[in-house]
N, C-alpha and C. Protein backbone atom coordinates (compact mmCIF):
# COMPACT_ATOMS: atom_id res chain seq x y z
N MET A 1 0.00 32.29 30.80
CA MET A 1 -0.71 30.98 30.54
C MET A 1 -0.67 30.48 32.10
N ALA A 2 -1.31 30.00 32.47
CA ALA A 2 -1.59 29.18 33.64
C ALA A 2 -1.27 27.73 33.71
N ARG A 3 -0.37 27.44 34.57
CA ARG A 3 -0.33 26.03 34.64
C ARG A 3 -0.97 25.27 35.41
N ARG A 4 -1.41 24.02 35.04
CA ARG A 4 -2.48 23.27 35.59
C ARG A 4 -1.63 22.33 36.34
N ARG A 5 -1.86 22.36 37.72
CA ARG A 5 -1.06 21.35 38.49
C ARG A 5 -2.20 20.49 39.41
N THR A 6 -1.98 19.25 39.63
CA THR A 6 -2.75 18.54 40.38
C THR A 6 -2.20 18.73 41.99
N PRO A 7 -3.49 18.59 42.73
CA PRO A 7 -3.17 18.68 44.36
C PRO A 7 -1.95 18.24 44.88
N SER A 8 -1.52 17.01 44.11
CA SER A 8 -0.44 16.16 44.67
C SER A 8 0.81 16.72 43.91
N SER A 9 0.78 17.75 43.01
CA SER A 9 1.87 18.11 42.48
C SER A 9 2.94 18.64 43.39
N PRO A 10 4.32 18.33 43.19
CA PRO A 10 5.18 18.92 44.20
C PRO A 10 5.50 20.65 43.83
N ALA A 11 5.82 21.41 44.66
CA ALA A 11 6.02 22.88 44.70
C ALA A 11 7.50 22.82 44.00
N ALA A 12 7.69 24.10 43.16
CA ALA A 12 8.53 24.44 42.45
C ALA A 12 9.73 24.47 43.28
N PRO A 13 10.98 23.58 42.93
CA PRO A 13 12.12 23.86 43.76
C PRO A 13 12.87 25.14 43.76
N THR A 14 13.59 25.21 45.02
CA THR A 14 14.68 26.33 44.71
C THR A 14 15.58 26.13 43.74
N SER A 15 16.32 25.00 43.93
CA SER A 15 17.48 24.73 43.10
C SER A 15 17.14 23.73 42.20
N CYS A 16 17.70 23.98 40.83
CA CYS A 16 17.40 23.14 39.62
C CYS A 16 17.17 21.70 39.65
N PRO A 17 16.41 21.11 39.80
CA PRO A 17 16.64 19.46 39.78
C PRO A 17 17.61 18.81 38.70
N CYS A 18 17.70 19.66 37.91
CA CYS A 18 18.49 19.32 36.59
C CYS A 18 20.24 18.73 36.93
N GLY A 19 20.56 19.49 38.00
CA GLY A 19 21.90 19.11 38.57
C GLY A 19 23.04 20.40 38.46
N LEU A 20 22.41 21.41 37.48
CA LEU A 20 23.27 22.55 37.27
C LEU A 20 23.19 23.45 38.66
N PRO A 21 24.46 24.10 38.83
CA PRO A 21 24.33 25.18 40.27
C PRO A 21 23.60 26.19 39.70
N ALA A 22 22.10 26.44 39.92
CA ALA A 22 21.35 27.52 39.61
C ALA A 22 20.21 27.48 40.17
N ALA A 23 19.46 28.26 40.17
CA ALA A 23 18.27 28.38 40.63
C ALA A 23 17.17 27.75 39.68
N TYR A 24 16.15 26.85 39.96
CA TYR A 24 15.32 26.34 39.25
C TYR A 24 14.50 27.60 38.08
N ALA A 25 14.14 28.85 38.76
CA ALA A 25 13.55 29.67 38.06
C ALA A 25 14.33 30.31 37.04
N ASP A 26 15.56 30.13 37.08
CA ASP A 26 16.58 30.80 36.27
C ASP A 26 17.13 29.88 35.21
N CYS A 27 16.93 28.50 35.19
CA CYS A 27 17.64 27.48 34.73
C CYS A 27 16.57 26.57 33.86
N CYS A 28 15.89 25.65 34.35
CA CYS A 28 15.02 24.78 33.55
C CYS A 28 13.60 25.53 33.68
N GLY A 29 13.31 26.21 34.49
CA GLY A 29 12.04 26.83 34.72
C GLY A 29 11.69 27.77 33.69
N ARG A 30 12.83 28.58 33.36
CA ARG A 30 12.61 29.48 32.01
C ARG A 30 12.34 28.66 30.73
N LEU A 31 12.70 27.56 30.73
CA LEU A 31 12.38 26.38 29.29
C LEU A 31 10.75 25.80 29.58
N HIS A 32 10.88 25.65 31.00
CA HIS A 32 9.27 24.96 31.28
C HIS A 32 8.25 26.18 30.99
N ARG A 33 8.56 27.56 31.44
CA ARG A 33 7.57 28.44 31.14
C ARG A 33 7.68 29.19 29.81
N GLY A 34 8.33 28.52 28.53
CA GLY A 34 8.39 28.76 27.49
C GLY A 34 9.04 29.87 27.08
N GLU A 35 9.92 30.58 28.27
CA GLU A 35 10.65 31.86 28.06
C GLU A 35 11.97 31.70 27.07
N ALA A 36 12.41 30.37 26.90
CA ALA A 36 13.49 30.07 26.05
C ALA A 36 13.46 28.84 25.69
N PRO A 37 13.79 28.40 24.30
CA PRO A 37 14.17 27.19 23.67
C PRO A 37 15.25 26.36 24.40
N ALA A 38 15.54 25.07 24.20
CA ALA A 38 16.51 24.41 24.75
C ALA A 38 17.70 24.40 23.72
N GLY A 39 18.97 25.19 23.85
CA GLY A 39 19.86 25.24 23.00
C GLY A 39 20.89 24.14 22.65
N SER A 40 20.49 22.83 23.31
CA SER A 40 21.06 21.48 23.01
C SER A 40 20.45 20.45 23.41
N ALA A 41 20.81 19.41 22.99
CA ALA A 41 20.02 18.19 23.10
C ALA A 41 20.23 17.79 24.66
N GLU A 42 21.24 18.02 25.19
CA GLU A 42 21.69 17.83 26.78
C GLU A 42 20.78 18.87 27.59
N GLN A 43 20.71 20.19 27.10
CA GLN A 43 20.00 21.07 27.89
C GLN A 43 18.54 20.62 27.84
N LEU A 44 17.89 20.08 26.77
CA LEU A 44 16.63 19.42 26.64
C LEU A 44 16.45 18.44 27.72
N MET A 45 17.42 17.68 27.47
CA MET A 45 17.58 16.30 28.47
C MET A 45 17.32 16.87 30.00
N ARG A 46 18.34 17.93 30.55
CA ARG A 46 18.17 18.33 31.68
C ARG A 46 16.83 18.80 31.89
N SER A 47 16.22 19.63 31.33
CA SER A 47 14.93 20.41 31.25
C SER A 47 13.91 19.11 31.49
N ARG A 48 13.94 18.15 30.75
CA ARG A 48 12.92 17.28 30.86
C ARG A 48 12.87 16.58 32.26
N PHE A 49 14.04 16.15 32.64
CA PHE A 49 14.27 15.55 33.91
C PHE A 49 13.76 16.43 35.11
N SER A 50 14.06 17.69 34.92
CA SER A 50 13.50 18.67 35.87
C SER A 50 11.84 18.68 35.59
N ALA A 51 11.18 18.47 34.55
CA ALA A 51 9.82 18.45 34.30
C ALA A 51 9.27 17.16 34.73
N PHE A 52 9.83 16.21 34.90
CA PHE A 52 9.38 15.13 35.46
C PHE A 52 9.72 15.33 37.16
N ALA A 53 10.72 16.00 37.49
CA ALA A 53 10.61 16.02 39.00
C ALA A 53 9.66 16.93 39.25
N VAL A 54 9.05 17.95 38.78
CA VAL A 54 8.10 18.99 39.10
C VAL A 54 6.73 18.51 38.61
N GLN A 55 6.66 17.62 37.86
CA GLN A 55 5.51 16.88 37.10
C GLN A 55 4.90 18.11 36.42
N ASP A 56 5.76 18.60 35.68
CA ASP A 56 5.22 19.63 34.28
C ASP A 56 4.75 19.02 33.14
N GLU A 57 3.46 18.38 33.06
CA GLU A 57 3.26 17.47 31.88
C GLU A 57 3.15 18.54 30.92
N PRO A 58 2.51 19.64 30.64
CA PRO A 58 2.55 20.16 29.39
C PRO A 58 3.80 20.35 28.50
N TYR A 59 4.96 20.81 29.71
CA TYR A 59 6.27 20.85 28.88
C TYR A 59 6.92 19.69 28.54
N LEU A 60 6.46 18.58 29.29
CA LEU A 60 7.02 17.21 28.76
C LEU A 60 6.30 16.89 27.31
N LEU A 61 5.05 17.10 27.11
CA LEU A 61 4.53 17.03 26.11
C LEU A 61 4.65 17.85 24.88
N ARG A 62 5.02 19.13 25.24
CA ARG A 62 5.68 20.04 24.12
C ARG A 62 6.95 19.80 23.58
N SER A 63 7.61 19.05 24.51
CA SER A 63 9.08 18.71 24.15
C SER A 63 9.55 17.64 23.63
N TRP A 64 8.22 16.66 23.42
CA TRP A 64 8.14 15.39 22.79
C TRP A 64 7.89 15.32 21.21
N HIS A 65 8.92 14.66 20.44
CA HIS A 65 8.41 14.64 19.06
C HIS A 65 7.10 14.26 18.92
N PRO A 66 6.48 14.79 17.92
CA PRO A 66 4.90 14.35 17.85
C PRO A 66 4.78 12.87 17.20
N ASP A 67 6.05 12.26 16.63
CA ASP A 67 5.71 10.94 16.29
C ASP A 67 5.68 9.77 17.08
N THR A 68 6.14 10.16 18.39
CA THR A 68 6.46 9.37 19.57
C THR A 68 5.86 9.77 20.85
N ARG A 69 5.09 10.89 20.82
CA ARG A 69 4.45 11.79 21.77
C ARG A 69 3.18 10.77 22.42
N PRO A 70 3.44 10.43 23.81
CA PRO A 70 2.02 9.79 24.17
C PRO A 70 0.89 10.77 24.39
N ALA A 71 -0.35 10.42 24.45
CA ALA A 71 -1.34 11.24 24.94
C ALA A 71 -1.21 12.03 26.23
N SER A 72 -0.69 11.52 27.35
CA SER A 72 -0.78 12.03 28.42
C SER A 72 0.52 11.45 29.27
N VAL A 73 1.03 12.19 30.19
CA VAL A 73 2.04 11.55 31.10
C VAL A 73 1.30 11.35 32.52
N ASP A 74 1.47 10.07 32.87
CA ASP A 74 1.08 9.66 34.10
C ASP A 74 2.28 9.67 35.32
N PHE A 75 1.92 10.49 36.14
CA PHE A 75 2.91 10.53 37.34
C PHE A 75 2.62 9.70 38.30
N ASP A 76 3.56 8.75 38.77
CA ASP A 76 3.40 7.65 39.69
C ASP A 76 3.72 8.68 41.12
N PRO A 77 2.39 8.79 42.09
CA PRO A 77 2.63 9.43 43.39
C PRO A 77 3.82 9.09 44.27
N ALA A 78 4.16 7.68 43.81
CA ALA A 78 4.94 6.95 44.96
C ALA A 78 6.54 7.31 44.59
N LEU A 79 6.52 8.03 43.20
CA LEU A 79 7.92 8.21 42.70
C LEU A 79 8.61 9.49 42.97
N ARG A 80 9.69 9.60 43.33
CA ARG A 80 10.14 11.02 43.30
C ARG A 80 11.46 11.16 42.61
N TRP A 81 11.68 11.93 41.75
CA TRP A 81 12.84 12.01 40.91
C TRP A 81 13.78 12.93 41.52
N GLU A 82 15.24 12.42 41.96
CA GLU A 82 16.04 13.11 42.91
C GLU A 82 17.29 13.90 42.15
N ARG A 83 17.76 12.84 41.35
CA ARG A 83 19.07 13.42 40.65
C ARG A 83 19.54 12.92 39.47
N LEU A 84 20.03 13.93 38.61
CA LEU A 84 20.53 13.34 37.33
C LEU A 84 21.80 13.28 37.04
N GLU A 85 22.34 12.31 36.54
CA GLU A 85 23.73 12.31 36.10
C GLU A 85 23.84 12.09 34.51
N ILE A 86 24.67 13.24 33.61
CA ILE A 86 24.95 12.96 32.28
C ILE A 86 26.07 12.17 32.12
N LEU A 87 26.01 11.08 31.41
CA LEU A 87 27.22 10.31 31.46
C LEU A 87 27.76 10.43 30.10
N GLY A 88 26.95 10.88 29.14
CA GLY A 88 27.70 11.24 27.67
C GLY A 88 26.71 12.15 26.85
N ALA A 89 27.23 12.43 25.81
CA ALA A 89 26.61 13.03 24.79
C ALA A 89 27.13 12.98 23.21
N THR A 90 26.59 12.81 22.43
CA THR A 90 26.97 12.82 20.70
C THR A 90 26.27 13.76 20.12
N ASP A 91 26.86 14.46 19.51
CA ASP A 91 26.33 15.81 18.59
C ASP A 91 25.24 16.50 19.56
N GLY A 92 23.98 17.12 19.05
CA GLY A 92 23.33 17.74 20.04
C GLY A 92 23.41 19.25 20.02
N GLY A 93 24.46 19.61 19.46
CA GLY A 93 24.92 21.08 19.41
C GLY A 93 24.28 22.18 18.60
N PRO A 94 24.45 23.27 18.54
CA PRO A 94 23.61 24.14 17.73
C PRO A 94 23.97 23.99 16.43
N PHE A 95 24.95 23.42 15.78
CA PHE A 95 24.84 23.11 14.39
C PHE A 95 24.44 21.76 13.83
N HIS A 96 24.08 20.92 15.02
CA HIS A 96 23.38 19.64 14.64
C HIS A 96 21.79 19.58 14.48
N GLN A 97 21.50 18.24 13.61
CA GLN A 97 19.76 18.04 13.56
C GLN A 97 19.56 16.90 14.61
N ASP A 98 20.62 16.19 15.07
CA ASP A 98 20.14 15.30 16.09
C ASP A 98 21.20 14.90 17.00
N GLY A 99 21.09 14.23 17.99
CA GLY A 99 21.88 14.04 18.91
C GLY A 99 21.56 12.84 20.36
N THR A 100 22.38 12.27 20.73
CA THR A 100 21.88 11.41 21.69
C THR A 100 22.65 12.10 23.01
N VAL A 101 21.88 11.66 24.30
CA VAL A 101 22.46 12.05 25.76
C VAL A 101 22.18 10.66 26.61
N GLU A 102 23.36 10.11 26.88
CA GLU A 102 23.37 8.97 27.92
C GLU A 102 22.97 9.41 29.37
N PHE A 103 22.15 8.91 30.08
CA PHE A 103 21.88 9.41 31.57
C PHE A 103 21.68 8.80 32.43
N ARG A 104 22.04 8.93 33.87
CA ARG A 104 21.26 8.02 34.74
C ARG A 104 20.51 8.86 35.61
N ALA A 105 19.21 8.58 35.80
CA ALA A 105 18.37 9.46 36.63
C ALA A 105 18.18 8.64 37.97
N HIS A 106 18.39 9.10 39.08
CA HIS A 106 18.20 8.73 40.42
C HIS A 106 16.87 9.05 41.02
N TYR A 107 16.06 8.12 41.46
CA TYR A 107 14.82 8.22 41.95
C TYR A 107 14.65 7.42 43.50
N ARG A 108 13.60 7.79 44.01
CA ARG A 108 12.90 7.14 45.11
C ARG A 108 11.67 6.79 45.05
N GLU A 109 11.37 5.62 45.56
CA GLU A 109 10.08 4.98 45.33
C GLU A 109 9.63 4.17 46.48
N ARG A 110 8.69 4.88 47.03
CA ARG A 110 8.13 4.26 48.29
C ARG A 110 9.25 3.88 49.13
N GLY A 111 10.33 5.22 49.53
CA GLY A 111 11.33 5.06 50.31
C GLY A 111 12.47 4.27 49.75
N ARG A 112 12.45 3.39 48.70
CA ARG A 112 13.68 2.83 48.22
C ARG A 112 14.25 3.48 47.03
N ALA A 113 15.51 3.43 46.81
CA ALA A 113 16.42 4.05 45.92
C ALA A 113 16.56 3.41 44.66
N GLY A 114 16.49 4.21 43.39
CA GLY A 114 16.58 3.25 42.26
C GLY A 114 17.03 4.28 41.41
N SER A 115 17.57 3.72 40.09
CA SER A 115 17.96 4.53 38.92
C SER A 115 17.34 4.22 37.75
N LEU A 116 17.55 4.81 36.71
CA LEU A 116 17.08 4.60 35.30
C LEU A 116 18.26 5.26 34.61
N HIS A 117 18.83 4.07 33.84
CA HIS A 117 19.96 4.25 32.89
C HIS A 117 19.44 4.30 31.35
N GLU A 118 19.50 5.38 30.56
CA GLU A 118 18.77 5.63 29.33
C GLU A 118 19.86 6.11 28.47
N ASN A 119 19.74 5.94 26.95
CA ASN A 119 20.75 6.41 25.93
C ASN A 119 19.23 7.08 25.23
N SER A 120 19.10 8.40 25.20
CA SER A 120 18.18 8.96 24.66
C SER A 120 18.44 9.78 23.37
N ARG A 121 17.33 9.68 22.45
CA ARG A 121 17.60 10.61 20.90
C ARG A 121 16.92 11.53 20.84
N PHE A 122 17.40 12.70 20.44
CA PHE A 122 17.01 13.85 20.41
C PHE A 122 17.13 14.15 18.73
N VAL A 123 16.01 15.08 18.26
CA VAL A 123 16.07 15.63 17.12
C VAL A 123 15.73 17.06 16.88
N ARG A 124 15.74 17.81 15.81
CA ARG A 124 15.41 19.25 15.87
C ARG A 124 13.96 19.02 14.95
N HIS A 125 12.67 19.66 15.71
CA HIS A 125 11.39 19.38 14.74
C HIS A 125 10.90 21.06 14.76
N GLN A 126 10.77 21.52 13.85
CA GLN A 126 10.27 22.88 13.45
C GLN A 126 11.51 23.95 14.06
N GLY A 127 12.59 23.42 14.08
CA GLY A 127 13.88 24.26 14.65
C GLY A 127 13.95 24.17 16.09
N GLU A 128 13.38 23.44 16.71
CA GLU A 128 13.47 23.25 18.19
C GLU A 128 13.96 21.94 18.57
N TRP A 129 14.75 21.72 19.57
CA TRP A 129 15.08 20.22 20.19
C TRP A 129 13.86 19.48 20.73
N VAL A 130 13.81 18.29 20.30
CA VAL A 130 12.69 17.54 20.99
C VAL A 130 13.35 15.97 21.48
N TYR A 131 12.70 15.39 22.23
CA TYR A 131 13.13 13.96 22.51
C TYR A 131 12.34 13.13 21.55
N LEU A 132 12.83 12.31 21.11
CA LEU A 132 12.49 11.22 20.07
C LEU A 132 12.04 9.99 20.55
N ASP A 133 12.96 9.27 21.19
CA ASP A 133 13.08 7.89 21.79
C ASP A 133 14.35 7.66 22.69
N GLY A 134 14.22 6.72 23.36
CA GLY A 134 15.28 6.05 24.30
C GLY A 134 15.30 4.80 24.28
N VAL A 135 16.45 4.24 24.68
CA VAL A 135 17.01 3.14 24.94
C VAL A 135 17.14 2.72 26.43
N ILE A 136 16.56 1.82 27.41
CA ILE A 136 16.91 1.76 28.61
C ILE A 136 18.00 0.83 28.57
N GLN A 137 19.07 1.10 29.38
CA GLN A 137 20.32 0.37 29.35
C GLN A 137 20.30 -0.52 30.82
N PRO A 138 20.99 -1.51 30.79
CA PRO A 138 21.06 -2.47 31.88
C PRO A 138 21.64 -1.72 33.21
């Protein structure tokens, strides 16, 4: 299945944007291509951050719970996601049905550094981890 990319979409990175010491193709790229499901809420969080970084709208929508999923994802061309910090996680493992991941996502917008601090909720839907919603922290 071919991925639809807009002309302004960034090229796939060599190292994975999620912060793990692996190549993108072997890390989050596998999930984005549909070759493997996320094994935990944290892995899904990392793969979603990477999907924002590479502007992979189909993956973001697929990994969003249908009750809270938007119709589309609008990528701001002036915003570049740069780094992810996982601050904590609760449940979200192989024997759980839900979990939370607290993270800080660092970005650059029009040359200025910024960050988003969120506590995200994940649940299993049809056997796979999906993003439900999140609360932005100050």
